[in-house]
Amino acid sequence: MRPPHELSLRVYWEDTDASGVVYHANYLKWAERGRSDWLRALGGAQQHWIVETGIAFTVAELTVQYRRPARLEDTVRVLTELATQRRASLVFEQNIVNAESGDLLARLSVKVGCVDVTTFRPKPLPDWFFSQNRD
């Protein structure tokens, strides 16, 4: 199994509420960036997927468990792993951790549907994707 993809981010003032604690929705944005970078590392930027394969990715289901707060000036790591792959969907497990302490800040499970860019109906992933992601 491939190791988790890692994305490091700094917490800026714009990410926080008035008390310097990260606003809950920002964890979702960071997770999105992690999945986008995971896809980029595998087979090109999202624009490449749209143009070359006719596939777009859309979140179908998401659960998040918040564990500890991130704060202004922290560095966080978004760890992204592919947990399940089907013909036209992927499930990602993502952990957002404090880079300095290693504390788990949030855990996400995200099911992403693969859809045709013109019809938004399910579209199978290309065969090469499956060969790239075998154990």
N, C-alpha and C. Protein backbone atom coordinates (compact mmCIF):
# COMPACT_ATOMS: atom_id res chain seq x y z
N MET A 1 0.85 -1.18 0.00
CA MET A 1 0.00 0.00 0.00
C MET A 1 0.89 1.24 0.00
N ARG A 2 0.52 2.21 -0.76
CA ARG A 2 1.35 3.41 -0.83
C ARG A 2 1.20 4.25 0.44
N PRO A 3 2.26 4.96 0.82
CA PRO A 3 2.19 5.78 2.04
C PRO A 3 1.22 6.95 1.83
N PRO A 4 0.72 7.53 2.92
CA PRO A 4 -0.19 8.66 2.76
C PRO A 4 0.49 9.83 2.05
N HIS A 5 -0.29 10.51 1.24
CA HIS A 5 0.18 11.76 0.64
C HIS A 5 0.16 12.82 1.74
N GLU A 6 1.16 13.67 1.76
CA GLU A 6 1.26 14.68 2.82
C GLU A 6 1.29 16.08 2.23
N LEU A 7 0.48 16.95 2.80
CA LEU A 7 0.44 18.37 2.43
C LEU A 7 0.60 19.18 3.70
N SER A 8 1.57 20.08 3.73
CA SER A 8 1.78 20.94 4.90
C SER A 8 1.19 22.32 4.63
N LEU A 9 0.54 22.84 5.66
CA LEU A 9 -0.10 24.16 5.57
C LEU A 9 0.16 24.94 6.85
N ARG A 10 0.28 26.25 6.72
CA ARG A 10 0.38 27.12 7.88
C ARG A 10 -1.01 27.70 8.15
N VAL A 11 -1.35 27.88 9.43
CA VAL A 11 -2.61 28.49 9.81
C VAL A 11 -2.43 30.01 9.80
N TYR A 12 -3.20 30.67 8.98
CA TYR A 12 -3.17 32.13 8.89
C TYR A 12 -4.37 32.74 9.61
N TRP A 13 -4.29 34.05 9.82
CA TRP A 13 -5.36 34.76 10.51
C TRP A 13 -6.70 34.51 9.84
N GLU A 14 -6.72 34.49 8.51
CA GLU A 14 -7.97 34.29 7.77
C GLU A 14 -8.61 32.92 8.03
N ASP A 15 -7.83 31.96 8.56
CA ASP A 15 -8.35 30.63 8.85
C ASP A 15 -9.04 30.53 10.19
N THR A 16 -8.91 31.58 11.01
CA THR A 16 -9.34 31.49 12.41
C THR A 16 -10.55 32.37 12.70
N ASP A 17 -11.13 32.08 13.88
CA ASP A 17 -12.17 32.97 14.40
C ASP A 17 -11.48 34.05 15.23
N ALA A 18 -12.25 34.85 15.93
CA ALA A 18 -11.70 35.98 16.68
C ALA A 18 -10.76 35.54 17.81
N SER A 19 -10.85 34.30 18.23
CA SER A 19 -9.99 33.83 19.32
C SER A 19 -8.71 33.17 18.83
N GLY A 20 -8.50 33.13 17.51
CA GLY A 20 -7.29 32.52 16.97
C GLY A 20 -7.38 31.01 16.77
N VAL A 21 -8.60 30.47 16.89
CA VAL A 21 -8.83 29.04 16.69
C VAL A 21 -9.38 28.83 15.28
N VAL A 22 -8.91 27.79 14.60
CA VAL A 22 -9.33 27.54 13.22
C VAL A 22 -10.84 27.27 13.17
N TYR A 23 -11.49 27.96 12.26
CA TYR A 23 -12.92 27.79 12.01
C TYR A 23 -13.15 26.41 11.39
N HIS A 24 -14.20 25.72 11.84
CA HIS A 24 -14.39 24.31 11.47
C HIS A 24 -14.43 24.04 9.97
N ALA A 25 -14.99 24.93 9.18
CA ALA A 25 -15.10 24.69 7.74
C ALA A 25 -13.74 24.68 7.04
N ASN A 26 -12.74 25.29 7.64
CA ASN A 26 -11.43 25.32 7.01
C ASN A 26 -10.77 23.95 6.95
N TYR A 27 -11.12 23.07 7.88
CA TYR A 27 -10.61 21.71 7.81
C TYR A 27 -11.09 21.02 6.52
N LEU A 28 -12.31 21.34 6.10
CA LEU A 28 -12.85 20.77 4.85
C LEU A 28 -12.07 21.30 3.65
N LYS A 29 -11.73 22.58 3.67
CA LYS A 29 -10.94 23.16 2.58
C LYS A 29 -9.56 22.52 2.52
N TRP A 30 -8.94 22.33 3.68
CA TRP A 30 -7.61 21.72 3.71
C TRP A 30 -7.67 20.28 3.20
N ALA A 31 -8.72 19.55 3.58
CA ALA A 31 -8.87 18.17 3.11
C ALA A 31 -9.05 18.15 1.59
N GLU A 32 -9.80 19.09 1.05
CA GLU A 32 -9.98 19.19 -0.40
C GLU A 32 -8.63 19.41 -1.08
N ARG A 33 -7.81 20.28 -0.52
CA ARG A 33 -6.48 20.51 -1.08
C ARG A 33 -5.65 19.23 -1.04
N GLY A 34 -5.76 18.50 0.06
CA GLY A 34 -5.02 17.24 0.18
C GLY A 34 -5.43 16.24 -0.88
N ARG A 35 -6.75 16.10 -1.12
CA ARG A 35 -7.22 15.17 -2.16
C ARG A 35 -6.80 15.64 -3.55
N SER A 36 -6.86 16.94 -3.79
CA SER A 36 -6.44 17.48 -5.09
C SER A 36 -4.97 17.22 -5.33
N ASP A 37 -4.14 17.41 -4.32
CA ASP A 37 -2.71 17.14 -4.47
C ASP A 37 -2.43 15.65 -4.63
N TRP A 38 -3.22 14.81 -3.96
CA TRP A 38 -3.09 13.35 -4.11
C TRP A 38 -3.34 12.99 -5.58
N LEU A 39 -4.42 13.52 -6.15
CA LEU A 39 -4.75 13.24 -7.55
C LEU A 39 -3.67 13.79 -8.49
N ARG A 40 -3.17 14.97 -8.18
CA ARG A 40 -2.12 15.57 -9.00
C ARG A 40 -0.88 14.67 -9.01
N ALA A 41 -0.51 14.15 -7.84
CA ALA A 41 0.67 13.27 -7.75
C ALA A 41 0.45 11.98 -8.53
N LEU A 42 -0.79 11.53 -8.61
CA LEU A 42 -1.09 10.28 -9.29
C LEU A 42 -1.17 10.43 -10.80
N GLY A 43 -1.87 11.46 -11.25
CA GLY A 43 -2.10 11.52 -12.69
C GLY A 43 -2.42 12.89 -13.24
N GLY A 44 -1.92 13.93 -12.62
CA GLY A 44 -2.12 15.26 -13.17
C GLY A 44 -3.14 16.08 -12.40
N ALA A 45 -3.11 17.36 -12.64
CA ALA A 45 -4.03 18.30 -11.99
C ALA A 45 -5.47 18.00 -12.39
N GLN A 46 -6.39 18.54 -11.61
CA GLN A 46 -7.80 18.27 -11.88
C GLN A 46 -8.20 18.69 -13.30
N GLN A 47 -7.61 19.77 -13.79
CA GLN A 47 -7.92 20.19 -15.16
C GLN A 47 -7.50 19.11 -16.15
N HIS A 48 -6.39 18.42 -15.88
CA HIS A 48 -5.96 17.31 -16.72
C HIS A 48 -7.03 16.21 -16.74
N TRP A 49 -7.55 15.85 -15.58
CA TRP A 49 -8.59 14.82 -15.50
C TRP A 49 -9.80 15.23 -16.34
N ILE A 50 -10.19 16.48 -16.22
CA ILE A 50 -11.37 16.96 -16.95
C ILE A 50 -11.14 16.88 -18.45
N VAL A 51 -10.00 17.39 -18.92
CA VAL A 51 -9.72 17.46 -20.35
C VAL A 51 -9.37 16.10 -20.93
N GLU A 52 -8.48 15.35 -20.27
CA GLU A 52 -7.96 14.11 -20.84
C GLU A 52 -8.87 12.90 -20.65
N THR A 53 -9.61 12.85 -19.55
CA THR A 53 -10.43 11.66 -19.28
C THR A 53 -11.92 11.96 -19.29
N GLY A 54 -12.28 13.26 -19.26
CA GLY A 54 -13.70 13.61 -19.21
C GLY A 54 -14.33 13.33 -17.85
N ILE A 55 -13.47 13.19 -16.82
CA ILE A 55 -13.96 12.87 -15.47
C ILE A 55 -13.79 14.09 -14.57
N ALA A 56 -14.82 14.32 -13.77
CA ALA A 56 -14.74 15.28 -12.67
C ALA A 56 -15.02 14.52 -11.38
N PHE A 57 -14.59 15.07 -10.29
CA PHE A 57 -14.79 14.43 -8.99
C PHE A 57 -15.71 15.29 -8.15
N THR A 58 -16.69 14.64 -7.54
CA THR A 58 -17.65 15.37 -6.72
C THR A 58 -17.82 14.63 -5.40
N VAL A 59 -17.86 15.40 -4.31
CA VAL A 59 -18.04 14.79 -3.00
C VAL A 59 -19.46 14.28 -2.88
N ALA A 60 -19.58 13.00 -2.56
CA ALA A 60 -20.88 12.36 -2.42
C ALA A 60 -21.26 12.17 -0.95
N GLU A 61 -20.25 12.00 -0.10
CA GLU A 61 -20.49 11.73 1.31
C GLU A 61 -19.25 12.13 2.09
N LEU A 62 -19.46 12.71 3.27
CA LEU A 62 -18.34 13.17 4.06
C LEU A 62 -18.68 13.07 5.54
N THR A 63 -17.77 12.52 6.31
CA THR A 63 -17.89 12.55 7.77
C THR A 63 -16.61 13.15 8.31
N VAL A 64 -16.76 13.90 9.38
CA VAL A 64 -15.58 14.51 10.00
C VAL A 64 -15.71 14.40 11.51
N GLN A 65 -14.61 14.07 12.14
CA GLN A 65 -14.52 14.05 13.60
C GLN A 65 -13.47 15.07 13.99
N TYR A 66 -13.89 16.08 14.73
CA TYR A 66 -12.96 17.10 15.21
C TYR A 66 -12.42 16.64 16.56
N ARG A 67 -11.10 16.65 16.71
CA ARG A 67 -10.46 16.15 17.93
C ARG A 67 -9.85 17.26 18.78
N ARG A 68 -9.04 18.10 18.18
CA ARG A 68 -8.37 19.19 18.88
C ARG A 68 -8.34 20.41 17.95
N PRO A 69 -8.27 21.59 18.51
CA PRO A 69 -8.24 22.77 17.64
C PRO A 69 -6.84 23.07 17.11
N ALA A 70 -6.79 23.54 15.88
CA ALA A 70 -5.58 24.16 15.35
C ALA A 70 -5.69 25.65 15.66
N ARG A 71 -4.53 26.27 15.81
CA ARG A 71 -4.51 27.68 16.20
C ARG A 71 -3.62 28.49 15.26
N LEU A 72 -3.81 29.80 15.33
CA LEU A 72 -3.05 30.74 14.53
C LEU A 72 -1.55 30.43 14.61
N GLU A 73 -0.90 30.40 13.45
CA GLU A 73 0.54 30.16 13.29
C GLU A 73 0.96 28.70 13.41
N ASP A 74 0.03 27.78 13.72
CA ASP A 74 0.38 26.36 13.72
C ASP A 74 0.71 25.93 12.29
N THR A 75 1.47 24.87 12.18
CA THR A 75 1.66 24.18 10.91
C THR A 75 0.90 22.86 11.03
N VAL A 76 0.08 22.58 10.03
CA VAL A 76 -0.68 21.34 10.03
C VAL A 76 -0.27 20.51 8.83
N ARG A 77 -0.44 19.19 8.97
CA ARG A 77 -0.19 18.26 7.88
C ARG A 77 -1.50 17.57 7.55
N VAL A 78 -1.83 17.53 6.28
CA VAL A 78 -3.01 16.82 5.79
C VAL A 78 -2.50 15.52 5.18
N LEU A 79 -2.86 14.41 5.81
CA LEU A 79 -2.44 13.09 5.35
C LEU A 79 -3.61 12.43 4.63
N THR A 80 -3.41 12.08 3.38
CA THR A 80 -4.49 11.57 2.53
C THR A 80 -4.14 10.18 2.02
N GLU A 81 -5.07 9.23 2.23
CA GLU A 81 -4.91 7.86 1.76
C GLU A 81 -6.17 7.42 1.03
N LEU A 82 -5.98 6.64 0.00
CA LEU A 82 -7.11 6.02 -0.68
C LEU A 82 -7.49 4.77 0.11
N ALA A 83 -8.71 4.74 0.63
CA ALA A 83 -9.17 3.60 1.42
C ALA A 83 -9.89 2.56 0.57
N THR A 84 -10.73 3.03 -0.35
CA THR A 84 -11.54 2.14 -1.18
C THR A 84 -11.64 2.72 -2.58
N GLN A 85 -11.54 1.84 -3.55
CA GLN A 85 -11.77 2.28 -4.94
C GLN A 85 -12.77 1.36 -5.61
N ARG A 86 -13.72 1.96 -6.22
CA ARG A 86 -14.71 1.25 -7.03
C ARG A 86 -14.57 1.77 -8.46
N ARG A 87 -15.36 1.23 -9.35
CA ARG A 87 -15.25 1.66 -10.76
C ARG A 87 -15.50 3.16 -10.94
N ALA A 88 -16.45 3.71 -10.18
CA ALA A 88 -16.78 5.13 -10.38
C ALA A 88 -16.83 5.91 -9.07
N SER A 89 -16.12 5.43 -8.05
CA SER A 89 -16.05 6.19 -6.80
C SER A 89 -14.79 5.83 -6.04
N LEU A 90 -14.39 6.74 -5.18
CA LEU A 90 -13.21 6.58 -4.33
C LEU A 90 -13.60 6.99 -2.91
N VAL A 91 -13.03 6.33 -1.92
CA VAL A 91 -13.18 6.75 -0.54
C VAL A 91 -11.80 7.08 -0.01
N PHE A 92 -11.65 8.30 0.47
CA PHE A 92 -10.40 8.76 1.05
C PHE A 92 -10.53 8.83 2.56
N GLU A 93 -9.48 8.42 3.25
CA GLU A 93 -9.35 8.63 4.69
C GLU A 93 -8.30 9.72 4.85
N GLN A 94 -8.64 10.75 5.61
CA GLN A 94 -7.73 11.87 5.77
C GLN A 94 -7.59 12.22 7.25
N ASN A 95 -6.36 12.45 7.66
CA ASN A 95 -6.07 12.92 9.00
C ASN A 95 -5.38 14.26 8.90
N ILE A 96 -5.84 15.19 9.69
CA ILE A 96 -5.18 16.49 9.78
C ILE A 96 -4.53 16.54 11.16
N VAL A 97 -3.21 16.72 11.17
CA VAL A 97 -2.45 16.67 12.41
C VAL A 97 -1.63 17.93 12.60
N ASN A 98 -1.35 18.24 13.85
CA ASN A 98 -0.46 19.33 14.18
C ASN A 98 0.96 18.87 13.87
N ALA A 99 1.67 19.60 13.02
CA ALA A 99 2.99 19.17 12.58
C ALA A 99 4.01 19.16 13.71
N GLU A 100 3.87 20.04 14.68
CA GLU A 100 4.85 20.11 15.76
C GLU A 100 4.60 19.03 16.82
N SER A 101 3.35 18.89 17.26
CA SER A 101 3.05 17.96 18.36
C SER A 101 2.65 16.57 17.88
N GLY A 102 2.19 16.48 16.63
CA GLY A 102 1.68 15.21 16.13
C GLY A 102 0.25 14.93 16.54
N ASP A 103 -0.38 15.85 17.29
CA ASP A 103 -1.76 15.65 17.74
C ASP A 103 -2.71 15.57 16.56
N LEU A 104 -3.64 14.62 16.64
CA LEU A 104 -4.69 14.50 15.63
C LEU A 104 -5.69 15.63 15.86
N LEU A 105 -5.91 16.42 14.83
CA LEU A 105 -6.84 17.55 14.92
C LEU A 105 -8.22 17.18 14.36
N ALA A 106 -8.22 16.48 13.25
CA ALA A 106 -9.48 16.08 12.62
C ALA A 106 -9.24 14.83 11.78
N ARG A 107 -10.27 14.01 11.71
CA ARG A 107 -10.25 12.79 10.89
C ARG A 107 -11.46 12.87 9.96
N LEU A 108 -11.21 12.63 8.68
CA LEU A 108 -12.28 12.70 7.69
C LEU A 108 -12.33 11.43 6.87
N SER A 109 -13.53 11.04 6.49
CA SER A 109 -13.76 10.00 5.51
C SER A 109 -14.60 10.65 4.41
N VAL A 110 -14.09 10.59 3.19
CA VAL A 110 -14.73 11.31 2.09
C VAL A 110 -14.94 10.38 0.91
N LYS A 111 -16.20 10.20 0.53
CA LYS A 111 -16.52 9.42 -0.67
C LYS A 111 -16.67 10.41 -1.82
N VAL A 112 -15.93 10.14 -2.89
CA VAL A 112 -15.91 11.02 -4.05
C VAL A 112 -16.45 10.23 -5.24
N GLY A 113 -17.45 10.79 -5.90
CA GLY A 113 -17.98 10.18 -7.10
C GLY A 113 -17.22 10.66 -8.32
N CYS A 114 -17.01 9.76 -9.27
CA CYS A 114 -16.38 10.09 -10.54
C CYS A 114 -17.52 10.26 -11.55
N VAL A 115 -17.60 11.44 -12.13
CA VAL A 115 -18.72 11.75 -13.02
C VAL A 115 -18.24 12.27 -14.35
N ASP A 116 -19.05 12.06 -15.37
CA ASP A 116 -18.80 12.61 -16.69
C ASP A 116 -18.93 14.13 -16.59
N VAL A 117 -17.99 14.85 -17.16
CA VAL A 117 -17.98 16.31 -17.01
C VAL A 117 -19.15 16.99 -17.71
N THR A 118 -19.75 16.35 -18.69
CA THR A 118 -20.86 17.00 -19.39
C THR A 118 -22.22 16.61 -18.82
N THR A 119 -22.36 15.36 -18.39
CA THR A 119 -23.68 14.90 -17.93
C THR A 119 -23.80 14.80 -16.41
N PHE A 120 -22.68 14.79 -15.72
CA PHE A 120 -22.61 14.57 -14.27
C PHE A 120 -23.22 13.24 -13.85
N ARG A 121 -23.24 12.30 -14.77
CA ARG A 121 -23.64 10.93 -14.45
C ARG A 121 -22.37 10.15 -14.12
N PRO A 122 -22.48 9.08 -13.33
CA PRO A 122 -21.29 8.30 -12.98
C PRO A 122 -20.52 7.85 -14.22
N LYS A 123 -19.19 7.93 -14.12
CA LYS A 123 -18.32 7.50 -15.22
C LYS A 123 -17.17 6.72 -14.61
N PRO A 124 -16.89 5.52 -15.15
CA PRO A 124 -15.80 4.71 -14.60
C PRO A 124 -14.44 5.39 -14.74
N LEU A 125 -13.60 5.12 -13.76
CA LEU A 125 -12.21 5.57 -13.84
C LEU A 125 -11.50 4.80 -14.94
N PRO A 126 -10.45 5.38 -15.53
CA PRO A 126 -9.70 4.66 -16.56
C PRO A 126 -8.97 3.45 -15.95
N ASP A 127 -8.75 2.44 -16.77
CA ASP A 127 -8.10 1.21 -16.30
C ASP A 127 -6.74 1.47 -15.67
N TRP A 128 -5.97 2.42 -16.22
CA TRP A 128 -4.63 2.68 -15.68
C TRP A 128 -4.70 3.12 -14.22
N PHE A 129 -5.80 3.74 -13.80
CA PHE A 129 -5.93 4.17 -12.40
C PHE A 129 -5.85 2.97 -11.47
N PHE A 130 -6.50 1.89 -11.84
CA PHE A 130 -6.52 0.71 -10.99
C PHE A 130 -5.16 0.03 -10.91
N SER A 131 -4.42 0.03 -12.00
CA SER A 131 -3.08 -0.56 -11.96
C SER A 131 -2.13 0.28 -11.12
N GLN A 132 -2.34 1.59 -11.05
CA GLN A 132 -1.52 2.48 -10.25
C GLN A 132 -1.73 2.28 -8.75
N ASN A 133 -2.89 1.78 -8.37
CA ASN A 133 -3.27 1.74 -6.96
C ASN A 133 -3.43 0.33 -6.38
N ARG A 134 -2.78 -0.63 -6.99
CA ARG A 134 -2.79 -1.99 -6.42
C ARG A 134 -1.80 -2.06 -5.28
N ASP A 135 -2.08 -2.94 -4.33
CA ASP A 135 -1.17 -3.14 -3.21
C ASP A 135 0.17 -3.70 -3.67
